[in-house]
PDB file of all heavy atoms in Angstrom:
ATOM      1  N   ALA A   1       0.822  -1.196   0.008  1.00  0.00           N
ATOM      2  CA  ALA A   1      -0.002   0.004   0.003  1.00  0.00           C
ATOM      3  C   ALA A   1       0.862   1.249   0.009  1.00  0.00           C
ATOM      4  O   ALA A   1       0.565   2.230  -0.704  1.00  0.00           O
ATOM      5  CB  ALA A   1      -0.917  -0.022   1.216  1.00  0.00           C
ATOM      6  N   ALA A   2       1.944   1.251   0.790  1.00  0.00           N
ATOM      7  CA  ALA A   2       2.859   2.400   0.797  1.00  0.00           C
ATOM      8  C   ALA A   2       3.485   2.583  -0.583  1.00  0.00           C
ATOM      9  O   ALA A   2       3.615   3.741  -1.058  1.00  0.00           O
ATOM     10  CB  ALA A   2       3.953   2.189   1.867  1.00  0.00           C
ATOM     11  N   GLY A   3       3.877   1.471  -1.235  1.00  0.00           N
ATOM     12  CA  GLY A   3       4.403   1.572  -2.575  1.00  0.00           C
ATOM     13  C   GLY A   3       3.378   2.102  -3.554  1.00  0.00           C
ATOM     14  O   GLY A   3       3.693   2.871  -4.478  1.00  0.00           O
ATOM     15  N   SER A   4       2.092   1.738  -3.345  1.00  0.00           N
ATOM     16  CA  SER A   4       1.022   2.227  -4.210  1.00  0.00           C
ATOM     17  C   SER A   4       0.882   3.734  -4.095  1.00  0.00           C
ATOM     18  O   SER A   4       0.668   4.449  -5.099  1.00  0.00           O
ATOM     19  CB  SER A   4      -0.304   1.554  -3.862  1.00  0.00           C
ATOM     20  OG  SER A   4      -0.205   0.147  -3.943  1.00  0.00           O
ATOM     21  N   VAL A   5       1.029   4.250  -2.867  1.00  0.00           N
ATOM     22  CA  VAL A   5       0.966   5.689  -2.662  1.00  0.00           C
ATOM     23  C   VAL A   5       2.114   6.396  -3.400  1.00  0.00           C
ATOM     24  O   VAL A   5       1.900   7.415  -4.081  1.00  0.00           O
ATOM     25  CB  VAL A   5       1.005   6.015  -1.158  1.00  0.00           C
ATOM     26  CG1 VAL A   5       1.119   7.541  -0.958  1.00  0.00           C
ATOM     27  CG2 VAL A   5      -0.241   5.449  -0.478  1.00  0.00           C
ATOM     28  N   LEU A   6       3.322   5.828  -3.301  1.00  0.00           N
ATOM     29  CA  LEU A   6       4.465   6.439  -3.961  1.00  0.00           C
ATOM     30  C   LEU A   6       4.321   6.444  -5.484  1.00  0.00           C
ATOM     31  O   LEU A   6       4.617   7.440  -6.162  1.00  0.00           O
ATOM     32  CB  LEU A   6       5.768   5.690  -3.571  1.00  0.00           C
ATOM     33  CG  LEU A   6       6.210   5.843  -2.109  1.00  0.00           C
ATOM     34  CD1 LEU A   6       7.441   4.985  -1.852  1.00  0.00           C
ATOM     35  CD2 LEU A   6       6.557   7.301  -1.808  1.00  0.00           C
ATOM     36  N   THR A   7       3.861   5.305  -6.046  1.00  0.00           N
ATOM     37  CA  THR A   7       3.714   5.277  -7.519  1.00  0.00           C
ATOM     38  C   THR A   7       2.583   6.187  -7.974  1.00  0.00           C
ATOM     39  O   THR A   7       2.670   6.775  -9.085  1.00  0.00           O
ATOM     40  CB  THR A   7       3.425   3.818  -7.997  1.00  0.00           C
ATOM     41  OG1 THR A   7       2.277   3.326  -7.304  1.00  0.00           O
ATOM     42  CG2 THR A   7       4.614   2.935  -7.715  1.00  0.00           C
ATOM     43  N   THR A   8       1.550   6.349  -7.162  1.00  0.00           N
ATOM     44  CA  THR A   8       0.459   7.256  -7.521  1.00  0.00           C
ATOM     45  C   THR A   8       0.962   8.700  -7.538  1.00  0.00           C
ATOM     46  O   THR A   8       0.603   9.477  -8.454  1.00  0.00           O
ATOM     47  CB  THR A   8      -0.705   7.114  -6.530  1.00  0.00           C
ATOM     48  OG1 THR A   8      -1.170   5.762  -6.525  1.00  0.00           O
ATOM     49  CG2 THR A   8      -1.869   8.010  -6.908  1.00  0.00           C
ATOM     50  N   LEU A   9       1.771   9.042  -6.530  1.00  0.00           N
ATOM     51  CA  LEU A   9       2.351  10.414  -6.524  1.00  0.00           C
ATOM     52  C   LEU A   9       3.245  10.598  -7.746  1.00  0.00           C
ATOM     53  O   LEU A   9       3.236  11.694  -8.374  1.00  0.00           O
ATOM     54  CB  LEU A   9       3.156  10.636  -5.225  1.00  0.00           C
ATOM     55  CG  LEU A   9       2.340  10.694  -3.948  1.00  0.00           C
ATOM     56  CD1 LEU A   9       3.271  10.794  -2.725  1.00  0.00           C
ATOM     57  CD2 LEU A   9       1.409  11.917  -3.963  1.00  0.00           C
ATOM     58  N   SER A  10       4.030   9.578  -8.113  1.00  0.00           N
ATOM     59  CA  SER A  10       4.874   9.680  -9.299  1.00  0.00           C
ATOM     60  C   SER A  10       4.045   9.863 -10.555  1.00  0.00           C
ATOM     61  O   SER A  10       4.385  10.638 -11.464  1.00  0.00           O
ATOM     62  CB  SER A  10       5.758   8.438  -9.428  1.00  0.00           C
ATOM     63  OG  SER A  10       6.616   8.291  -8.326  1.00  0.00           O
ATOM     64  N   ALA A  11       2.916   9.155 -10.618  1.00  0.00           N
ATOM     65  CA  ALA A  11       2.042   9.257 -11.785  1.00  0.00           C
ATOM     66  C   ALA A  11       1.411  10.644 -11.862  1.00  0.00           C
ATOM     67  O   ALA A  11       1.198  11.179 -12.976  1.00  0.00           O
ATOM     68  CB  ALA A  11       0.944   8.207 -11.720  1.00  0.00           C
ATOM     69  N   LEU A  12       1.139  11.258 -10.706  1.00  0.00           N
ATOM     70  CA  LEU A  12       0.555  12.608 -10.714  1.00  0.00           C
ATOM     71  C   LEU A  12       1.592  13.637 -11.124  1.00  0.00           C
ATOM     72  O   LEU A  12       1.291  14.609 -11.836  1.00  0.00           O
ATOM     73  CB  LEU A  12      -0.001  12.932  -9.329  1.00  0.00           C
ATOM     74  CG  LEU A  12      -1.265  12.153  -8.918  1.00  0.00           C
ATOM     75  CD1 LEU A  12      -1.573  12.421  -7.456  1.00  0.00           C
ATOM     76  CD2 LEU A  12      -2.434  12.527  -9.823  1.00  0.00           C
ATOM     77  N   LEU A  13       2.856  13.450 -10.661  1.00  0.00           N
ATOM     78  CA  LEU A  13       3.898  14.409 -10.960  1.00  0.00           C
ATOM     79  C   LEU A  13       4.453  14.234 -12.382  1.00  0.00           C
ATOM     80  O   LEU A  13       4.816  15.224 -13.031  1.00  0.00           O
ATOM     81  CB  LEU A  13       5.037  14.293  -9.934  1.00  0.00           C
ATOM     82  CG  LEU A  13       4.667  14.615  -8.476  1.00  0.00           C
ATOM     83  CD1 LEU A  13       5.820  14.326  -7.531  1.00  0.00           C
ATOM     84  CD2 LEU A  13       4.246  16.083  -8.362  1.00  0.00           C
ATOM     85  N   ASP A  14       4.561  12.976 -12.804  1.00  0.00           N
ATOM     86  CA  ASP A  14       5.118  12.724 -14.151  1.00  0.00           C
ATOM     87  C   ASP A  14       4.244  11.677 -14.831  1.00  0.00           C
ATOM     88  O   ASP A  14       4.616  10.500 -14.889  1.00  0.00           O
ATOM     89  CB  ASP A  14       6.564  12.233 -14.013  1.00  0.00           C
ATOM     90  CG  ASP A  14       7.237  12.065 -15.368  1.00  0.00           C
ATOM     91  OD1 ASP A  14       6.685  12.603 -16.358  1.00  0.00           O
ATOM     92  OD2 ASP A  14       8.279  11.388 -15.426  1.00  0.00           O
ATOM     93  N   PRO A  15       3.105  12.075 -15.352  1.00  0.00           N
ATOM     94  CA  PRO A  15       2.118  11.105 -15.861  1.00  0.00           C
ATOM     95  C   PRO A  15       2.686  10.338 -17.054  1.00  0.00           C
ATOM     96  O   PRO A  15       3.370  10.900 -17.923  1.00  0.00           O
ATOM     97  CB  PRO A  15       0.936  11.976 -16.307  1.00  0.00           C
ATOM     98  CG  PRO A  15       1.113  13.291 -15.592  1.00  0.00           C
ATOM     99  CD  PRO A  15       2.608  13.482 -15.470  1.00  0.00           C
ATOM    100  N   SER A  16       2.373   9.036 -17.076  1.00  0.00           N
ATOM    101  CA  SER A  16       2.661   8.190 -18.236  1.00  0.00           C
ATOM    102  C   SER A  16       1.777   6.949 -18.135  1.00  0.00           C
ATOM    103  O   SER A  16       1.289   6.610 -17.041  1.00  0.00           O
ATOM    104  CB  SER A  16       4.136   7.771 -18.254  1.00  0.00           C
ATOM    105  OG  SER A  16       4.433   6.883 -17.180  1.00  0.00           O
ATOM    106  N   VAL A  17       1.542   6.325 -19.248  1.00  0.00           N
ATOM    107  CA  VAL A  17       0.681   5.108 -19.232  1.00  0.00           C
ATOM    108  C   VAL A  17       1.311   4.034 -18.361  1.00  0.00           C
ATOM    109  O   VAL A  17       0.598   3.366 -17.587  1.00  0.00           O
ATOM    110  CB  VAL A  17       0.500   4.599 -20.674  1.00  0.00           C
ATOM    111  CG1 VAL A  17      -0.266   3.277 -20.663  1.00  0.00           C
ATOM    112  CG2 VAL A  17      -0.212   5.620 -21.530  1.00  0.00           C
ATOM    113  N   PHE A  18       2.616   3.877 -18.471  1.00  0.00           N
ATOM    114  CA  PHE A  18       3.299   2.846 -17.682  1.00  0.00           C
ATOM    115  C   PHE A  18       3.139   3.112 -16.176  1.00  0.00           C
ATOM    116  O   PHE A  18       2.774   2.201 -15.407  1.00  0.00           O
ATOM    117  CB  PHE A  18       4.768   2.821 -18.074  1.00  0.00           C
ATOM    118  CG  PHE A  18       5.606   1.946 -17.173  1.00  0.00           C
ATOM    119  CD1 PHE A  18       5.519   0.572 -17.246  1.00  0.00           C
ATOM    120  CD2 PHE A  18       6.489   2.506 -16.225  1.00  0.00           C
ATOM    121  CE1 PHE A  18       6.288  -0.235 -16.424  1.00  0.00           C
ATOM    122  CE2 PHE A  18       7.241   1.712 -15.394  1.00  0.00           C
ATOM    123  CZ  PHE A  18       7.171   0.337 -15.486  1.00  0.00           C
ATOM    124  N   THR A  19       3.400   4.359 -15.745  1.00  0.00           N
ATOM    125  CA  THR A  19       3.314   4.695 -14.314  1.00  0.00           C
ATOM    126  C   THR A  19       1.902   4.490 -13.769  1.00  0.00           C
ATOM    127  O   THR A  19       1.719   3.924 -12.692  1.00  0.00           O
ATOM    128  CB  THR A  19       3.777   6.133 -14.081  1.00  0.00           C
ATOM    129  OG1 THR A  19       5.054   6.335 -14.659  1.00  0.00           O
ATOM    130  CG2 THR A  19       3.854   6.444 -12.582  1.00  0.00           C
ATOM    131  N   TRP A  20       0.914   4.956 -14.546  1.00  0.00           N
ATOM    132  CA  TRP A  20      -0.489   4.798 -14.106  1.00  0.00           C
ATOM    133  C   TRP A  20      -0.873   3.316 -14.082  1.00  0.00           C
ATOM    134  O   TRP A  20      -1.621   2.873 -13.216  1.00  0.00           O
ATOM    135  CB  TRP A  20      -1.432   5.597 -14.984  1.00  0.00           C
ATOM    136  CG  TRP A  20      -1.553   7.045 -14.564  1.00  0.00           C
ATOM    137  CD1 TRP A  20      -1.148   8.133 -15.252  1.00  0.00           C
ATOM    138  CD2 TRP A  20      -2.133   7.507 -13.343  1.00  0.00           C
ATOM    139  NE1 TRP A  20      -1.411   9.277 -14.560  1.00  0.00           N
ATOM    140  CE2 TRP A  20      -2.026   8.937 -13.364  1.00  0.00           C
ATOM    141  CE3 TRP A  20      -2.691   6.915 -12.235  1.00  0.00           C
ATOM    142  CZ2 TRP A  20      -2.470   9.741 -12.344  1.00  0.00           C
ATOM    143  CZ3 TRP A  20      -3.149   7.727 -11.200  1.00  0.00           C
ATOM    144  CH2 TRP A  20      -3.042   9.104 -11.261  1.00  0.00           C
ATOM    145  N   THR A  21      -0.399   2.543 -15.035  1.00  0.00           N
ATOM    146  CA  THR A  21      -0.716   1.105 -15.067  1.00  0.00           C
ATOM    147  C   THR A  21      -0.168   0.406 -13.817  1.00  0.00           C
ATOM    148  O   THR A  21      -0.879  -0.375 -13.154  1.00  0.00           O
ATOM    149  CB  THR A  21      -0.129   0.448 -16.321  1.00  0.00           C
ATOM    150  OG1 THR A  21      -0.684   1.061 -17.494  1.00  0.00           O
ATOM    151  CG2 THR A  21      -0.403  -1.050 -16.337  1.00  0.00           C
ATOM    152  N   ILE A  22       1.067   0.714 -13.504  1.00  0.00           N
ATOM    153  CA  ILE A  22       1.663   0.106 -12.305  1.00  0.00           C
ATOM    154  C   ILE A  22       0.927   0.538 -11.058  1.00  0.00           C
ATOM    155  O   ILE A  22       0.616  -0.286 -10.158  1.00  0.00           O
ATOM    156  CB  ILE A  22       3.166   0.471 -12.203  1.00  0.00           C
ATOM    157  CG1 ILE A  22       3.945  -0.093 -13.402  1.00  0.00           C
ATOM    158  CG2 ILE A  22       3.745  -0.081 -10.899  1.00  0.00           C
ATOM    159  CD1 ILE A  22       3.899  -1.602 -13.534  1.00  0.00           C
ATOM    160  N   SER A  23       0.582   1.816 -10.960  1.00  0.00           N
ATOM    161  CA  SER A  23      -0.113   2.338  -9.771  1.00  0.00           C
ATOM    162  C   SER A  23      -1.487   1.658  -9.595  1.00  0.00           C
ATOM    163  O   SER A  23      -1.812   1.204  -8.501  1.00  0.00           O
ATOM    164  CB  SER A  23      -0.315   3.844  -9.904  1.00  0.00           C
ATOM    165  OG  SER A  23       0.908   4.520  -9.976  1.00  0.00           O
ATOM    166  N   VAL A  24      -2.236   1.581 -10.663  1.00  0.00           N
ATOM    167  CA  VAL A  24      -3.568   0.961 -10.604  1.00  0.00           C
ATOM    168  C   VAL A  24      -3.500  -0.481 -10.163  1.00  0.00           C
ATOM    169  O   VAL A  24      -4.230  -0.951  -9.278  1.00  0.00           O
ATOM    170  CB  VAL A  24      -4.301   1.103 -11.946  1.00  0.00           C
ATOM    171  CG1 VAL A  24      -5.572   0.250 -11.947  1.00  0.00           C
ATOM    172  CG2 VAL A  24      -4.643   2.552 -12.223  1.00  0.00           C
ATOM    173  N   TRP A  25      -2.564  -1.213 -10.745  1.00  0.00           N
ATOM    174  CA  TRP A  25      -2.489  -2.663 -10.424  1.00  0.00           C
ATOM    175  C   TRP A  25      -1.903  -2.892  -9.039  1.00  0.00           C
ATOM    176  O   TRP A  25      -2.208  -3.919  -8.391  1.00  0.00           O
ATOM    177  CB  TRP A  25      -1.680  -3.402 -11.488  1.00  0.00           C
ATOM    178  CG  TRP A  25      -2.545  -3.671 -12.681  1.00  0.00           C
ATOM    179  CD1 TRP A  25      -2.606  -2.966 -13.845  1.00  0.00           C
ATOM    180  CD2 TRP A  25      -3.512  -4.715 -12.790  1.00  0.00           C
ATOM    181  NE1 TRP A  25      -3.543  -3.497 -14.690  1.00  0.00           N
ATOM    182  CE2 TRP A  25      -4.125  -4.586 -14.068  1.00  0.00           C
ATOM    183  CE3 TRP A  25      -3.957  -5.747 -11.963  1.00  0.00           C
ATOM    184  CZ2 TRP A  25      -5.119  -5.446 -14.515  1.00  0.00           C
ATOM    185  CZ3 TRP A  25      -4.952  -6.605 -12.404  1.00  0.00           C
ATOM    186  CH2 TRP A  25      -5.521  -6.448 -13.657  1.00  0.00           C
ATOM    187  N   LEU A  26      -1.100  -1.962  -8.549  1.00  0.00           N
ATOM    188  CA  LEU A  26      -0.621  -2.112  -7.157  1.00  0.00           C
ATOM    189  C   LEU A  26      -1.766  -1.908  -6.171  1.00  0.00           C
ATOM    190  O   LEU A  26      -1.923  -2.631  -5.193  1.00  0.00           O
ATOM    191  CB  LEU A  26       0.487  -1.113  -6.874  1.00  0.00           C
ATOM    192  CG  LEU A  26       1.864  -1.442  -7.471  1.00  0.00           C
ATOM    193  CD1 LEU A  26       2.871  -0.367  -7.136  1.00  0.00           C
ATOM    194  CD2 LEU A  26       2.353  -2.795  -6.990  1.00  0.00           C
ATOM    195  N   TRP A  27      -2.643  -0.899  -6.467  1.00  0.00           N
ATOM    196  CA  TRP A  27      -3.827  -0.698  -5.630  1.00  0.00           C
ATOM    197  C   TRP A  27      -4.769  -1.906  -5.723  1.00  0.00           C
ATOM    198  O   TRP A  27      -5.349  -2.323  -4.718  1.00  0.00           O
ATOM    199  CB  TRP A  27      -4.572   0.585  -6.034  1.00  0.00           C
ATOM    200  CG  TRP A  27      -3.944   1.840  -5.483  1.00  0.00           C
ATOM    201  CD1 TRP A  27      -3.386   2.848  -6.217  1.00  0.00           C
ATOM    202  CD2 TRP A  27      -3.827   2.206  -4.113  1.00  0.00           C
ATOM    203  NE1 TRP A  27      -2.910   3.822  -5.368  1.00  0.00           N
ATOM    204  CE2 TRP A  27      -3.173   3.458  -4.061  1.00  0.00           C
ATOM    205  CE3 TRP A  27      -4.188   1.601  -2.919  1.00  0.00           C
ATOM    206  CZ2 TRP A  27      -2.869   4.104  -2.888  1.00  0.00           C
ATOM    207  CZ3 TRP A  27      -3.910   2.254  -1.726  1.00  0.00           C
ATOM    208  CH2 TRP A  27      -3.268   3.487  -1.712  1.00  0.00           C
ATOM    209  N   LEU A  28      -4.894  -2.456  -6.915  1.00  0.00           N
ATOM    210  CA  LEU A  28      -5.733  -3.662  -7.078  1.00  0.00           C
ATOM    211  C   LEU A  28      -5.167  -4.823  -6.287  1.00  0.00           C
ATOM    212  O   LEU A  28      -5.915  -5.647  -5.750  1.00  0.00           O
ATOM    213  CB  LEU A  28      -5.893  -4.011  -8.577  1.00  0.00           C
ATOM    214  CG  LEU A  28      -6.763  -3.076  -9.387  1.00  0.00           C
ATOM    215  CD1 LEU A  28      -6.747  -3.475 -10.876  1.00  0.00           C
ATOM    216  CD2 LEU A  28      -8.198  -3.082  -8.869  1.00  0.00           C
ATOM    217  N   THR A  29      -3.851  -4.907  -6.226  1.00  0.00           N
ATOM    218  CA  THR A  29      -3.238  -5.993  -5.447  1.00  0.00           C
ATOM    219  C   THR A  29      -3.656  -5.873  -3.958  1.00  0.00           C
ATOM    220  O   THR A  29      -4.023  -6.896  -3.334  1.00  0.00           O
ATOM    221  CB  THR A  29      -1.694  -5.905  -5.516  1.00  0.00           C
ATOM    222  OG1 THR A  29      -1.297  -6.032  -6.880  1.00  0.00           O
ATOM    223  CG2 THR A  29      -1.045  -7.001  -4.706  1.00  0.00           C
ATOM    224  N   VAL A  30      -3.626  -4.682  -3.415  1.00  0.00           N
ATOM    225  CA  VAL A  30      -4.046  -4.491  -2.017  1.00  0.00           C
ATOM    226  C   VAL A  30      -5.525  -4.768  -1.859  1.00  0.00           C
ATOM    227  O   VAL A  30      -5.949  -5.433  -0.900  1.00  0.00           O
ATOM    228  CB  VAL A  30      -3.730  -3.046  -1.569  1.00  0.00           C
ATOM    229  CG1 VAL A  30      -4.139  -2.846  -0.128  1.00  0.00           C
ATOM    230  CG2 VAL A  30      -2.234  -2.730  -1.741  1.00  0.00           C
ATOM    231  N   ILE A  31      -6.347  -4.276  -2.799  1.00  0.00           N
ATOM    232  CA  ILE A  31      -7.789  -4.485  -2.705  1.00  0.00           C
ATOM    233  C   ILE A  31      -8.134  -5.975  -2.836  1.00  0.00           C
ATOM    234  O   ILE A  31      -8.974  -6.507  -2.085  1.00  0.00           O
ATOM    235  CB  ILE A  31      -8.509  -3.677  -3.780  1.00  0.00           C
ATOM    236  CG1 ILE A  31      -8.367  -2.163  -3.467  1.00  0.00           C
ATOM    237  CG2 ILE A  31     -10.013  -4.054  -3.838  1.00  0.00           C
ATOM    238  CD1 ILE A  31      -8.921  -1.280  -4.570  1.00  0.00           C
ATOM    239  N   PHE A  32      -7.463  -6.676  -3.756  1.00  0.00           N
ATOM    240  CA  PHE A  32      -7.732  -8.130  -3.921  1.00  0.00           C
ATOM    241  C   PHE A  32      -7.346  -8.891  -2.646  1.00  0.00           C
ATOM    242  O   PHE A  32      -8.042  -9.843  -2.256  1.00  0.00           O
ATOM    243  CB  PHE A  32      -6.940  -8.666  -5.115  1.00  0.00           C
ATOM    244  CG  PHE A  32      -7.465  -8.206  -6.454  1.00  0.00           C
ATOM    245  CD1 PHE A  32      -6.680  -8.268  -7.585  1.00  0.00           C
ATOM    246  CD2 PHE A  32      -8.744  -7.653  -6.573  1.00  0.00           C
ATOM    247  CE1 PHE A  32      -7.148  -7.824  -8.830  1.00  0.00           C
ATOM    248  CE2 PHE A  32      -9.223  -7.216  -7.800  1.00  0.00           C
ATOM    249  CZ  PHE A  32      -8.433  -7.302  -8.919  1.00  0.00           C
ATOM    250  N   ALA A  33      -6.244  -8.456  -2.034  1.00  0.00           N
ATOM    251  CA  ALA A  33      -5.853  -9.119  -0.790  1.00  0.00           C
ATOM    252  C   ALA A  33      -6.885  -8.888   0.301  1.00  0.00           C
ATOM    253  O   ALA A  33      -7.256  -9.812   1.051  1.00  0.00           O
ATOM    254  CB  ALA A  33      -4.479  -8.620  -0.340  1.00  0.00           C
ATOM    255  N   ASN A  34      -7.349  -7.649   0.409  1.00  0.00           N
ATOM    256  CA  ASN A  34      -8.388  -7.340   1.378  1.00  0.00           C
ATOM    257  C   ASN A  34      -9.700  -8.069   1.048  1.00  0.00           C
ATOM    258  O   ASN A  34     -10.451  -8.455   1.945  1.00  0.00           O
ATOM    259  CB  ASN A  34      -8.662  -5.836   1.453  1.00  0.00           C
ATOM    260  CG  ASN A  34      -7.519  -5.077   2.112  1.00  0.00           C
ATOM    261  OD1 ASN A  34      -6.743  -5.661   2.873  1.00  0.00           O
ATOM    262  ND2 ASN A  34      -7.405  -3.796   1.810  1.00  0.00           N
ATOM    263  N   LEU A  35      -9.970  -8.222  -0.256  1.00  0.00           N
ATOM    264  CA  LEU A  35     -11.181  -8.896  -0.678  1.00  0.00           C
ATOM    265  C   LEU A  35     -11.183 -10.368  -0.240  1.00  0.00           C
ATOM    266  O   LEU A  35     -12.230 -10.900   0.135  1.00  0.00           O
ATOM    267  CB  LEU A  35     -11.331  -8.807  -2.197  1.00  0.00           C
ATOM    268  CG  LEU A  35     -12.651  -9.290  -2.808  1.00  0.00           C
ATOM    269  CD1 LEU A  35     -13.806  -8.445  -2.286  1.00  0.00           C
ATOM    270  CD2 LEU A  35     -12.574  -9.239  -4.333  1.00  0.00           C
ATOM    271  N   ALA A  36     -10.018 -11.010  -0.292  1.00  0.00           N
ATOM    272  CA  ALA A  36      -9.952 -12.388   0.155  1.00  0.00           C
ATOM    273  C   ALA A  36     -10.362 -12.534   1.603  1.00  0.00           C
ATOM    274  O   ALA A  36     -11.127 -13.414   1.988  1.00  0.00           O
ATOM    275  CB  ALA A  36      -8.500 -12.924  -0.040  1.00  0.00           C
ATOM    276  N   GLU A  37      -9.864 -11.611   2.446  1.00  0.00           N
ATOM    277  CA  GLU A  37     -10.229 -11.658   3.862  1.00  0.00           C
ATOM    278  C   GLU A  37     -11.694 -11.275   4.056  1.00  0.00           C
ATOM    279  O   GLU A  37     -12.404 -11.867   4.885  1.00  0.00           O
ATOM    280  CB  GLU A  37      -9.331 -10.717   4.661  1.00  0.00           C
ATOM    281  CG  GLU A  37      -9.560 -10.774   6.141  1.00  0.00           C
ATOM    282  CD  GLU A  37      -8.563  -9.923   6.919  1.00  0.00           C
ATOM    283  OE1 GLU A  37      -7.781  -9.190   6.269  1.00  0.00           O
ATOM    284  OE2 GLU A  37      -8.556  -9.991   8.145  1.00  0.00           O
ATOM    285  N   ALA A  38     -12.159 -10.258   3.288  1.00  0.00           N
ATOM    286  CA  ALA A  38     -13.561  -9.835   3.435  1.00  0.00           C
ATOM    287  C   ALA A  38     -14.534 -10.906   3.015  1.00  0.00           C
ATOM    288  O   ALA A  38     -15.579 -11.099   3.641  1.00  0.00           O
ATOM    289  CB  ALA A  38     -13.778  -8.593   2.584  1.00  0.00           C
ATOM    290  N   VAL A  39     -14.223 -11.662   1.947  1.00  0.00           N
ATOM    291  CA  VAL A  39     -15.084 -12.739   1.514  1.00  0.00           C
ATOM    292  C   VAL A  39     -15.124 -13.837   2.585  1.00  0.00           C
ATOM    293  O   VAL A  39     -16.181 -14.368   2.904  1.00  0.00           O
ATOM    294  CB  VAL A  39     -14.609 -13.328   0.175  1.00  0.00           C
ATOM    295  CG1 VAL A  39     -15.312 -14.623  -0.145  1.00  0.00           C
ATOM    296  CG2 VAL A  39     -14.843 -12.323  -0.945  1.00  0.00           C
TER     297      VAL A  39
END
């Protein structure tokens, strides 16, 4: 999650498809992990 915050800040400061792709999927990784526990 901390890494997701850092990549999101990088995407905001220096936008690129690659940076945003990595940011989104890192957040999805955290959400999917939480989803396993929530289910």
